[in-house]
Structures are given as C-alpha cells and as structure tokens.
C-alpha cells in the first residue's frame, strides 16, 4: 500500500513542477499562518473542557436536576449549529482571517458576559453567555479547519488537520485543570442534599459565592482572547486574499448533497461529537457514583472524578500524536474504523463494570476518540473543490450532536434507567455506544471507497 508520505512526494503543481507539501501549496509557504491558527485550536479546546464540568457545578449551585444542568451543553453547542453557515458565507465573501477575527470577537464577548450574568444571579444569562461564546467558536472552527485543510496538498490534509487538532487537547487539558483547581476545589463543599434544605436567604448567599468562583476562568480567557485578536489583526498572514466564489449557496448545497462521502461524513460527525461530549461530561457523574459507592464523600468524589477526566484528556492528547504518525502508513478510513471498534469495546466495559474498572474503561475511550474529529472532517472534505468552505460549515453544524445527545443521556440518568440491575449512570452509556457504531460504519465505508478509488487510478495508469 502506498503511504500518504509517498503520495505527498508525488503531488506536484501542474505548472512549474513545484511540490505541494504538508505546509506549502502552489509554491507558497503556510507555516506561519499554520502556527497562528493553531493557537485558536487550543483556545476553543479550553472553552470546551472548562465548560463540561460546569454541568455538575451549575446543577449544585442552582439546585437543579442533571437534565437541567445539561442545558449548559445545549446552549454551548447550539451556537455552533446556528452560526456555522453564516460564518461560511462570511469567509466565502471576505477571507479566512476576517472569519477568525469575528470568531475571536464573539468568543471574548461571550466570556466577558459571565460578569453581568453573575450579578443578575439567574441561570438564563449564563446560557446566553455560553451561546454567544460558541457563536464565536463556530466562526473560529468554520474558518480555521478549512484554512488548515487548504494550507498544503489535499493528500496531506488529514495529517495536517490532525497535527493542528493535536493542540486542541492541550488547551482542553488546561481547561479541565482550571475547572478542577480553580472552580470545583474552591466552591463550597456542601453536598447537594444539604443545599436543598437551606433557607432561601442562605441559599442565595451561597449561590453568589459559588458563582463568583465559577466566572473567574471565563473572565481570564476573555482577556487572553482579546490579546490574540489584536495580535492576529496586526499580523500579515499569507493567503488572506481568498478568491470569492460566484457560486450560489443553493448550487453549492445541491452539489454537496450529491456527494455520498460528504453526506455520510456529516452524519458521522454529528454522532461522534455527541459521543465525545457525553463521555467527557458524564465522567463526573459516573466517577462520583462509583467513588461514593466506595464510601467517599461527594465533594471529594467530584474532585477525584475530575482527575480521571484530566487523565482521559492526557491519553487523548498522547493518542492524537501517535495516531497522526500512524496516518503516514494506514488509510484514514481504516484507522478510524479500528479506533471506533475499540471505543465500542471500552464503552461496553463502562456499562458492565460497576466499580473502578468501569471508570478506567471510560478513560480508555478518550484514547480511541483522539483521531476521530479531524479524520472524519478530512475524509468528508476530500474532492469538494471550491465547495470546501460550505462543506466545512456543514461539518461544523454537525457539532449540534453535542447539544442533542447529552440531554438524552442525562434524562436516562435522572429517570433511573436500569437494565439487569446496573446503575442508571452505567446503562446511560448505551447512547455513546450507538454513536460509536455509526462512526465505525462510516470509517469502514470510507476505507472501501478509498480502495476502489486507488484501484481505478492504478487501472487508468496502466
């Protein structure tokens, strides 16, 4: 089997004989833009993973159910869905850089909105702040992913996306650590059942104290994002002058709808994001249940569960670099399907074990997920030509899966859904199980399509 590295070496410009490589296209180097845009990958990784533990935190602060707390994820991922196509139309008309600047502006605005939300003291303003912030993240992902995709040859696009995405979990790790050390550890340790018994005046005082702790990471990151916004605005970035497309949105959508590989990629991404968000959000509930069954106090169990969550992301980060190296030798579709099957096995362990072995299996799922988002993205965009920006928007809209599936799993937990005597926190993981099955099917179908394409190319060469 020919490696992607060999394909890169044989990919040349039709004119002039210049090579298109990992960071070069048509003779232009994209190294500097690559590193600048990669910083944005780390920033939205921070936002995603400082937020996941907040489902449990908001549930305690506002004395809500798990399902109501999961509205944080609904608001968070709804912004991705709403803003993806407007973002695509914007960067189609202007440039990738302009899209990045708008995204950073909305990101900073949403993060800084946590201050007035805390002053108001209601849940809804926080949901609005999350929505505005993720409208910015939608702009960033819609701009940055296809920008990275176009920074070199199409043959190396999946490797390039995986390399850029490898910095996403670095930001995510920082977000998880901040959530644990600067939010969960500093919140009042009073258990949920005791909070329920507090008189209204005492509850309001405790709520304001905890909210003042919760908003601090968002205010800090809002300032950091503003500084990056200024730096990118002042920086000359090659490739800003993207040629606007005269093709209508309707024409692009019709053309995309006829591409089976792309259609299935959007569906697979929808299910994958749902699985990722569930596994990283409900590891806190799962771990807390397991550790409290061992006799641990609730607050201590939550802190230790977050450490397991951080371990999961460390594994995710290391696995991303390892899998990016494997992509030099293994077809992206094949590697995707293998990892999805491994994730299915690990989720089965999460469901069936009721002690720490189940928690270890849930951590292992993250090692399997590391490759999935950028690989699905790269496979789905292959061969789209000038429809890449609109196609990328469709894949970002599929992040809506992170808004759809977590409330479903939360409802199973709240409803006490149990099979064969297993706890509801265990059996609820049947939802990510189904999601990984969809990803495995897409990976295998993508692999078979790639094999057929290579056979046709070899036949025509003969």
Protein backbone atom coordinates (compact mmCIF):
# COMPACT_ATOMS: atom_id res chain seq x y z
CA UNK A 1 0.00 0.00 0.00
CA UNK A 2 1.35 3.42 -0.89
CA UNK A 3 1.78 5.70 2.06
CA UNK A 4 0.45 9.23 2.29
CA UNK A 5 4.03 10.37 2.56
CA UNK A 6 4.78 8.87 -0.85
CA UNK A 7 1.64 10.49 -2.24
CA UNK A 8 2.82 13.84 -0.92
CA UNK A 9 6.17 13.45 -2.65
CA UNK A 10 4.47 12.76 -5.98
CA UNK A 11 1.92 15.59 -5.68
CA UNK A 12 3.19 18.48 -7.84
CA UNK A 13 1.90 21.59 -9.44
CA UNK A 14 0.66 21.13 -12.96
CA UNK A 15 2.79 24.10 -13.92
CA UNK A 16 6.33 24.82 -12.81
CA UNK A 17 6.97 21.42 -11.21
CA UNK A 18 6.81 22.80 -7.65
CA UNK A 19 5.76 20.38 -4.94
CA UNK A 20 2.67 20.77 -2.78
CA UNK A 21 3.68 19.60 0.69
CA UNK A 22 2.45 19.50 4.24
CA UNK A 23 2.62 23.31 4.63
CA UNK A 24 3.06 24.51 1.03
CA UNK A 25 0.63 24.95 -1.83
CA UNK A 26 1.34 26.37 -5.28
CA UNK A 27 4.78 27.41 -4.11
CA UNK A 28 3.51 29.44 -1.12
CA UNK A 29 4.51 28.59 2.44
CA UNK A 30 1.75 28.44 5.05
CA UNK A 31 3.99 27.67 8.03
CA UNK A 32 3.42 30.98 9.85
CA UNK A 33 -0.38 31.02 9.36
CA UNK A 34 -0.45 27.38 10.47
CA UNK A 35 1.06 28.19 13.86
CA UNK A 36 -1.09 31.31 14.33
CA UNK A 37 -4.32 29.49 13.56
CA UNK A 38 -3.25 26.50 15.64
CA UNK A 39 -3.34 28.83 18.68
CA UNK A 40 -7.08 29.18 18.06
CA UNK A 41 -7.45 25.38 18.21
CA UNK A 42 -6.03 25.47 21.74
CA UNK A 43 -8.36 28.31 22.74
CA UNK A 44 -11.56 26.57 21.72
CA UNK A 45 -10.25 23.40 23.35
CA UNK A 46 -10.01 25.38 26.60
CA UNK A 47 -13.58 26.65 26.21
CA UNK A 48 -14.97 23.18 25.54
CA UNK A 49 -13.35 21.49 28.50
CA UNK A 50 -13.58 24.19 31.12
CA UNK A 51 -17.32 24.00 30.38
CA UNK A 52 -18.04 20.24 30.60
CA UNK A 53 -17.55 20.06 34.41
CA UNK A 54 -19.86 23.05 34.77
CA UNK A 55 -22.89 20.83 34.16
CA UNK A 56 -22.38 19.34 37.63
CA UNK A 57 -21.39 22.72 39.10
CA UNK A 58 -24.48 24.54 37.82
CA UNK A 59 -26.71 21.68 38.99
CA UNK A 60 -25.38 22.16 42.53
CA UNK A 61 -25.30 25.96 42.50
CA UNK A 62 -28.88 26.37 41.25
CA UNK A 63 -30.23 23.18 42.92
CA UNK A 64 -31.24 21.66 39.59
CA UNK A 65 -31.53 18.17 38.10
CA UNK A 66 -28.83 16.68 35.87
CA UNK A 67 -31.11 17.27 32.88
CA UNK A 68 -31.48 20.99 33.69
CA UNK A 69 -27.73 21.28 34.24
CA UNK A 70 -27.17 19.69 30.81
CA UNK A 71 -28.80 22.78 29.27
CA UNK A 72 -25.29 24.25 29.54
CA UNK A 73 -24.23 21.84 26.78
CA UNK A 74 -27.40 22.59 24.80
CA UNK A 75 -26.67 26.32 24.81
CA UNK A 76 -22.98 25.69 24.19
CA UNK A 77 -23.36 23.51 21.11
CA UNK A 78 -26.44 25.29 19.76
CA UNK A 79 -24.18 28.25 18.94
CA UNK A 80 -22.15 26.00 16.65
CA UNK A 81 -25.27 24.97 14.76
CA UNK A 82 -26.78 28.44 14.40
CA UNK A 83 -23.63 30.26 13.28
CA UNK A 84 -21.88 27.72 11.03
CA UNK A 85 -23.49 28.66 7.71
CA UNK A 86 -23.47 32.45 8.35
CA UNK A 87 -19.78 32.04 9.18
CA UNK A 88 -19.18 30.10 5.96
CA UNK A 89 -20.93 32.76 3.87
CA UNK A 90 -18.90 35.45 5.61
CA UNK A 91 -15.50 33.85 4.97
CA UNK A 92 -16.60 32.98 1.45
CA UNK A 93 -17.18 36.66 0.77
CA UNK A 94 -14.22 38.01 2.71
CA UNK A 95 -11.34 35.84 3.98
CA UNK A 96 -10.30 33.23 6.47
CA UNK A 97 -8.54 35.90 8.52
CA UNK A 98 -11.70 38.01 8.73
CA UNK A 99 -13.63 34.96 9.93
CA UNK A 100 -11.03 34.31 12.62
CA UNK A 101 -11.25 37.92 13.83
CA UNK A 102 -15.06 37.82 14.07
CA UNK A 103 -14.85 34.50 15.88
CA UNK A 104 -12.38 35.80 18.44
CA UNK A 105 -14.54 38.91 19.00
CA UNK A 106 -17.66 36.85 19.77
CA UNK A 107 -15.64 34.43 21.91
CA UNK A 108 -14.32 37.28 24.05
CA UNK A 109 -17.75 38.94 24.28
CA UNK A 110 -19.44 35.74 25.45
CA UNK A 111 -16.74 35.03 28.04
CA UNK A 112 -16.93 38.56 29.47
CA UNK A 113 -20.74 38.30 29.67
CA UNK A 114 -20.26 35.98 32.65
CA UNK A 115 -19.64 39.03 34.84
CA UNK A 116 -23.10 40.61 34.35
CA UNK A 117 -24.65 37.11 34.44
CA UNK A 118 -23.20 36.59 37.91
CA UNK A 119 -24.55 39.98 39.03
CA UNK A 120 -28.04 39.02 37.81
CA UNK A 121 -27.80 35.67 39.59
CA UNK A 122 -30.08 33.71 37.26
CA UNK A 123 -29.34 30.63 35.14
CA UNK A 124 -30.63 32.02 31.81
CA UNK A 125 -27.99 34.80 31.40
CA UNK A 126 -25.26 32.18 31.75
CA UNK A 127 -26.87 30.13 28.98
CA UNK A 128 -26.96 33.27 26.81
CA UNK A 129 -23.27 33.91 27.53
CA UNK A 130 -22.44 30.33 26.50
CA UNK A 131 -24.46 30.76 23.31
CA UNK A 132 -22.67 33.99 22.31
CA UNK A 133 -19.29 32.47 23.12
CA UNK A 134 -19.95 29.41 20.97
CA UNK A 135 -21.21 31.52 18.10
CA UNK A 136 -17.64 32.79 18.16
CA UNK A 137 -16.26 29.26 18.39
CA UNK A 138 -18.42 28.30 15.40
CA UNK A 139 -16.86 31.16 13.41
CA UNK A 140 -13.41 30.01 14.51
CA UNK A 141 -13.91 26.35 13.64
CA UNK A 142 -15.63 27.16 10.34
CA UNK A 143 -12.69 29.40 9.42
CA UNK A 144 -9.73 27.53 10.92
CA UNK A 145 -10.47 23.94 9.89
CA UNK A 146 -10.77 24.58 6.13
CA UNK A 147 -7.93 27.10 6.38
CA UNK A 148 -5.67 24.36 7.75
CA UNK A 149 -7.08 21.97 5.14
CA UNK A 150 -6.03 24.36 2.33
CA UNK A 151 -2.52 25.07 3.63
CA UNK A 152 -0.92 22.32 1.58
CA UNK A 153 -1.68 19.39 -0.68
CA UNK A 154 -5.01 17.59 -0.42
CA UNK A 155 -3.19 14.28 0.07
CA UNK A 156 -1.66 15.55 3.33
CA UNK A 157 -4.78 17.42 4.51
CA UNK A 158 -5.86 14.77 7.02
CA UNK A 159 -2.37 14.66 8.56
CA UNK A 160 -2.25 18.46 8.70
CA UNK A 161 -5.67 18.64 10.37
CA UNK A 162 -4.64 16.03 12.93
CA UNK A 163 -1.43 17.94 13.67
CA UNK A 164 -3.32 21.21 14.21
CA UNK A 165 -6.02 19.45 16.21
CA UNK A 166 -3.30 17.94 18.42
CA UNK A 167 -3.02 21.36 20.07
CA UNK A 168 -6.74 21.40 20.80
CA UNK A 169 -6.47 18.90 23.68
CA UNK A 170 -3.55 20.88 25.12
CA UNK A 171 -5.95 23.78 25.59
CA UNK A 172 -8.60 21.32 26.75
CA UNK A 173 -6.25 19.92 29.40
CA UNK A 174 -5.65 23.42 30.70
CA UNK A 175 -9.42 23.99 30.76
CA UNK A 176 -10.01 20.81 32.75
CA UNK A 177 -7.26 21.66 35.21
CA UNK A 178 -8.63 25.17 35.70
CA UNK A 179 -12.14 23.76 36.23
CA UNK A 180 -10.82 21.36 38.86
CA UNK A 181 -8.29 23.60 40.69
CA UNK A 182 -9.97 27.00 40.39
CA UNK A 183 -13.69 26.16 40.32
CA UNK A 184 -14.55 22.75 41.79
CA UNK A 185 -11.90 22.90 44.54
CA UNK A 186 -12.91 26.45 45.58
CA UNK A 187 -16.66 26.03 45.52
CA UNK A 188 -18.40 25.42 48.82
CA UNK A 189 -18.15 21.66 49.51
CA UNK A 190 -21.70 21.45 50.89
CA UNK A 191 -23.40 18.34 49.40
CA UNK A 192 -26.38 18.66 47.07
CA UNK A 193 -28.91 17.22 49.54
CA UNK A 194 -27.88 19.75 52.22
CA UNK A 195 -28.16 22.63 49.75
CA UNK A 196 -31.73 21.56 49.09
CA UNK A 197 -32.58 22.11 52.77
CA UNK A 198 -31.11 25.63 53.05
CA UNK A 199 -33.42 28.61 53.73
CA UNK A 200 -33.75 30.92 50.71
CA UNK A 201 -31.55 33.71 52.14
CA UNK A 202 -28.68 31.34 52.97
CA UNK A 203 -29.05 29.64 49.62
CA UNK A 204 -28.78 32.98 47.75
CA UNK A 205 -25.63 33.92 49.65
CA UNK A 206 -24.03 30.54 48.94
CA UNK A 207 -25.06 30.74 45.29
CA UNK A 208 -23.43 34.15 44.81
CA UNK A 209 -20.22 32.97 46.46
CA UNK A 210 -20.02 29.93 44.19
CA UNK A 211 -20.89 31.94 41.07
CA UNK A 212 -18.12 34.43 41.82
CA UNK A 213 -15.70 31.46 41.78
CA UNK A 214 -17.20 29.93 38.63
CA UNK A 215 -16.92 33.04 36.42
CA UNK A 216 -13.21 33.72 37.03
CA UNK A 217 -11.79 31.38 34.34
CA UNK A 218 -14.14 32.88 31.74
CA UNK A 219 -13.15 36.44 32.53
CA UNK A 220 -9.46 35.49 32.32
CA UNK A 221 -9.80 33.69 28.98
CA UNK A 222 -11.86 36.58 27.60
CA UNK A 223 -8.90 38.90 28.16
CA UNK A 224 -6.48 36.38 26.60
CA UNK A 225 -8.70 36.08 23.51
CA UNK A 226 -8.78 39.86 23.12
CA UNK A 227 -4.97 39.96 23.16
CA UNK A 228 -4.78 37.26 20.46
CA UNK A 229 -7.38 39.15 18.44
CA UNK A 230 -5.19 42.25 18.40
CA UNK A 231 -2.08 40.23 17.50
CA UNK A 232 -3.73 38.49 14.52
CA UNK A 233 -5.33 41.75 13.36
CA UNK A 234 -1.90 43.38 13.14
CA UNK A 235 -0.19 40.37 11.57
CA UNK A 236 0.24 39.94 7.83
CA UNK A 237 -1.00 36.45 7.03
CA UNK A 238 -0.32 34.94 3.60
CA UNK A 239 -3.40 33.60 1.90
CA UNK A 240 -5.77 36.30 3.19
CA UNK A 241 -6.87 37.24 -0.31
CA UNK A 242 -9.07 34.21 -0.95
CA UNK A 243 -10.88 34.45 -4.28
CA UNK A 244 -14.61 34.97 -3.61
CA UNK A 245 -16.82 32.33 -5.19
CA UNK A 246 -19.60 33.38 -7.56
CA UNK A 247 -21.42 30.10 -6.99
CA UNK A 248 -24.72 30.46 -5.11
CA UNK A 249 -25.27 28.79 -1.75
CA UNK A 250 -28.10 26.74 -3.24
CA UNK A 251 -25.86 25.43 -6.01
CA UNK A 252 -23.14 24.50 -3.53
CA UNK A 253 -25.61 22.71 -1.26
CA UNK A 254 -27.09 20.77 -4.18
CA UNK A 255 -23.63 19.69 -5.30
CA UNK A 256 -22.68 18.66 -1.76
CA UNK A 257 -25.90 16.70 -1.31
CA UNK A 258 -24.93 14.52 -4.26
CA UNK A 259 -21.58 13.52 -2.67
CA UNK A 260 -22.21 10.37 -0.62
CA UNK A 261 -18.86 10.55 1.16
CA UNK A 262 -19.69 14.06 2.38
CA UNK A 263 -23.29 13.29 3.38
CA UNK A 264 -22.23 10.33 5.46
CA UNK A 265 -19.37 12.37 6.95
CA UNK A 266 -21.79 14.98 8.31
CA UNK A 267 -23.88 12.23 9.93
CA UNK A 268 -20.80 10.53 11.38
CA UNK A 269 -19.51 13.83 12.79
CA UNK A 270 -22.92 14.51 14.38
CA UNK A 271 -22.81 11.19 16.23
CA UNK A 272 -19.12 11.45 17.10
CA UNK A 273 -19.43 14.88 18.73
CA UNK A 274 -22.38 13.58 20.72
CA UNK A 275 -20.28 10.66 21.96
CA UNK A 276 -17.31 12.87 22.83
CA UNK A 277 -19.36 15.37 24.81
CA UNK A 278 -21.20 12.62 26.69
CA UNK A 279 -18.03 10.76 27.63
CA UNK A 280 -16.34 13.93 28.89
CA UNK A 281 -19.40 15.44 30.55
CA UNK A 282 -20.80 12.45 32.40
CA UNK A 283 -17.49 11.05 33.55
CA UNK A 284 -18.03 13.34 36.57
CA UNK A 285 -21.43 11.78 37.35
CA UNK A 286 -20.14 8.29 36.60
CA UNK A 287 -16.99 8.67 38.70
CA UNK A 288 -18.86 10.35 41.57
CA UNK A 289 -21.33 7.45 41.69
CA UNK A 290 -18.55 4.83 41.66
CA UNK A 291 -16.38 6.58 44.25
CA UNK A 292 -19.28 7.37 46.60
CA UNK A 293 -20.24 3.68 46.47
CA UNK A 294 -16.76 3.08 47.92
CA UNK A 295 -17.63 5.35 50.83
CA UNK A 296 -16.06 8.60 49.60
CA UNK A 297 -17.71 11.94 50.43
CA UNK A 298 -19.46 13.65 47.49
CA UNK A 299 -17.18 16.69 47.11
CA UNK A 300 -14.01 14.58 47.29
CA UNK A 301 -15.52 12.14 44.78
CA UNK A 302 -16.21 15.00 42.37
CA UNK A 303 -12.62 16.26 42.60
CA UNK A 304 -11.17 12.80 42.06
CA UNK A 305 -13.56 12.21 39.15
CA UNK A 306 -12.24 15.38 37.53
CA UNK A 307 -8.71 13.99 37.89
CA UNK A 308 -9.87 10.93 35.98
CA UNK A 309 -11.29 13.33 33.39
CA UNK A 310 -7.89 15.03 33.10
CA UNK A 311 -6.23 11.62 32.75
CA UNK A 312 -8.65 10.87 29.92
CA UNK A 313 -7.64 14.04 28.12
CA UNK A 314 -3.93 13.35 28.64
CA UNK A 315 -4.49 9.98 26.98
CA UNK A 316 -6.47 11.72 24.23
CA UNK A 317 -3.57 14.14 23.61
CA UNK A 318 -0.86 11.47 23.51
CA UNK A 319 -3.02 9.27 21.29
CA UNK A 320 -3.56 12.17 18.86
CA UNK A 321 0.17 12.47 18.17
CA UNK A 322 0.60 8.70 17.90
CA UNK A 323 -2.35 8.33 15.52
CA UNK A 324 -1.15 11.26 13.40
CA UNK A 325 2.10 9.35 12.91
CA UNK A 326 0.17 6.16 12.02
CA UNK A 327 -1.68 8.07 9.29
CA UNK A 328 1.55 8.08 7.31
CA UNK A 329 1.15 4.34 6.85
CA UNK A 330 -2.52 3.47 7.41
CA UNK A 331 -5.55 4.67 5.47
CA UNK A 332 -7.55 7.27 7.47
CA UNK A 333 -10.79 5.34 7.00
CA UNK A 334 -9.25 2.08 8.19
CA UNK A 335 -7.68 3.67 11.28
CA UNK A 336 -10.95 5.47 12.06
CA UNK A 337 -12.96 2.24 11.95
CA UNK A 338 -10.43 0.35 14.10
CA UNK A 339 -10.45 3.05 16.79
CA UNK A 340 -14.26 3.23 16.73
CA UNK A 341 -14.49 -0.52 17.34
CA UNK A 342 -12.02 -0.17 20.23
CA UNK A 343 -14.20 2.63 21.65
CA UNK A 344 -17.26 0.36 21.41
CA UNK A 345 -15.45 -2.32 23.44
CA UNK A 346 -14.37 0.25 26.06
CA UNK A 347 -17.93 1.61 26.37
CA UNK A 348 -19.18 -1.94 26.93
CA UNK A 349 -16.78 -2.15 29.89
CA UNK A 350 -18.09 1.21 31.14
CA UNK A 351 -21.64 -0.17 31.08
CA UNK A 352 -20.97 -3.60 32.57
CA UNK A 353 -18.45 -2.82 35.35
CA UNK A 354 -19.84 -1.08 38.43
CA UNK A 355 -16.53 -0.39 40.16
CA UNK A 356 -13.35 1.49 39.17
CA UNK A 357 -12.80 -0.86 36.25
CA UNK A 358 -15.72 0.87 34.53
CA UNK A 359 -14.11 4.24 35.22
CA UNK A 360 -10.85 3.01 33.70
CA UNK A 361 -12.75 1.86 30.60
CA UNK A 362 -14.36 5.30 30.31
CA UNK A 363 -10.91 6.91 30.46
CA UNK A 364 -9.72 4.49 27.73
CA UNK A 365 -12.50 5.70 25.41
CA UNK A 366 -10.67 9.04 25.11
CA UNK A 367 -7.62 7.32 23.63
CA UNK A 368 -9.87 5.93 20.91
CA UNK A 369 -11.57 9.27 20.22
CA UNK A 370 -8.37 11.24 19.61
CA UNK A 371 -8.30 10.78 15.85
CA UNK A 372 -11.99 10.97 15.08
CA UNK A 373 -12.98 14.62 14.58
CA UNK A 374 -10.18 15.74 12.21
CA UNK A 375 -10.18 12.42 10.36
CA UNK A 376 -13.92 12.49 9.68
CA UNK A 377 -13.50 16.13 8.69
CA UNK A 378 -10.62 15.42 6.32
CA UNK A 379 -12.28 12.38 4.72
CA UNK A 380 -15.59 14.18 4.20
CA UNK A 381 -13.99 17.23 2.53
CA UNK A 382 -11.93 15.18 0.08
CA UNK A 383 -12.59 16.15 -3.52
CA UNK A 384 -15.04 19.01 -2.81
CA UNK A 385 -13.03 21.64 -4.73
CA UNK A 386 -14.46 25.16 -4.34
CA UNK A 387 -17.25 23.81 -2.11
CA UNK A 388 -14.77 23.25 0.73
CA UNK A 389 -15.88 26.30 2.76
CA UNK A 390 -19.58 25.46 2.61
CA UNK A 391 -18.78 21.79 3.14
CA UNK A 392 -16.75 22.70 6.20
CA UNK A 393 -19.71 24.67 7.56
CA UNK A 394 -21.93 21.60 7.28
CA UNK A 395 -19.42 19.58 9.28
CA UNK A 396 -19.25 22.31 11.94
CA UNK A 397 -23.06 22.39 12.10
CA UNK A 398 -22.95 18.69 12.87
CA UNK A 399 -21.36 19.65 16.20
CA UNK A 400 -25.02 20.09 17.16
CA UNK A 401 -24.71 16.44 18.20
CA UNK A 402 -23.06 17.76 21.36
CA UNK A 403 -26.32 19.55 22.13
CA UNK A 404 -28.71 16.72 21.25
CA UNK A 405 -27.24 13.63 22.90
CA UNK A 406 -26.13 14.80 26.41
CA UNK A 407 -29.70 15.77 27.49
CA UNK A 408 -30.84 12.34 26.30
CA UNK A 409 -28.22 10.62 28.44
CA UNK A 410 -29.00 12.95 31.35
CA UNK A 411 -32.69 12.03 31.07
CA UNK A 412 -31.77 8.34 31.33
CA UNK A 413 -29.76 9.08 34.49
CA UNK A 414 -32.50 11.21 36.06
CA UNK A 415 -35.14 8.65 35.08
CA UNK A 416 -33.25 5.84 36.77
CA UNK A 417 -33.00 3.82 33.54
CA UNK A 418 -31.62 0.43 34.56
CA UNK A 419 -31.03 -2.88 32.79
CA UNK A 420 -30.16 -6.14 34.58
CA UNK A 421 -29.76 -4.27 37.86
CA UNK A 422 -26.99 -1.99 36.55
CA UNK A 423 -26.97 1.62 37.85
CA UNK A 424 -28.55 4.28 35.60
CA UNK A 425 -25.18 6.05 35.27
CA UNK A 426 -23.85 2.84 33.69
CA UNK A 427 -26.73 1.95 31.40
CA UNK A 428 -26.99 5.54 30.14
CA UNK A 429 -23.75 4.93 28.21
CA UNK A 430 -25.74 2.90 25.70
CA UNK A 431 -26.19 6.27 23.93
CA UNK A 432 -22.45 6.82 23.19
CA UNK A 433 -22.26 3.11 22.31
CA UNK A 434 -24.71 3.67 19.45
CA UNK A 435 -22.80 6.80 18.37
CA UNK A 436 -19.52 4.91 18.04
CA UNK A 437 -21.22 2.21 15.97
CA UNK A 438 -22.18 4.92 13.43
CA UNK A 439 -18.57 6.19 13.35
CA UNK A 440 -17.21 2.66 12.83
CA UNK A 441 -19.55 2.10 9.87
CA UNK A 442 -18.50 5.41 8.28
CA UNK A 443 -14.80 4.62 8.70
CA UNK A 444 -15.19 1.24 7.04
CA UNK A 445 -17.26 2.65 4.16
CA UNK A 446 -14.72 5.45 3.65
CA UNK A 447 -11.91 2.88 3.59
CA UNK A 448 -13.69 0.77 0.95
CA UNK A 449 -14.36 3.85 -1.19
CA UNK A 450 -10.69 4.84 -0.99
CA UNK A 451 -9.63 1.34 -2.03
CA UNK A 452 -11.91 1.50 -5.07
CA UNK A 453 -10.56 4.94 -5.99
CA UNK A 454 -6.94 3.72 -5.84
CA UNK A 455 -7.73 0.67 -7.94
CA UNK A 456 -9.31 2.89 -10.59
CA UNK A 457 -6.25 5.15 -10.57
CA UNK A 458 -3.90 2.18 -10.91
CA UNK A 459 -6.00 0.73 -13.73
CA UNK A 460 -6.02 4.04 -15.62
CA UNK A 461 -2.25 4.39 -15.13
CA UNK A 462 -1.71 1.02 -16.78
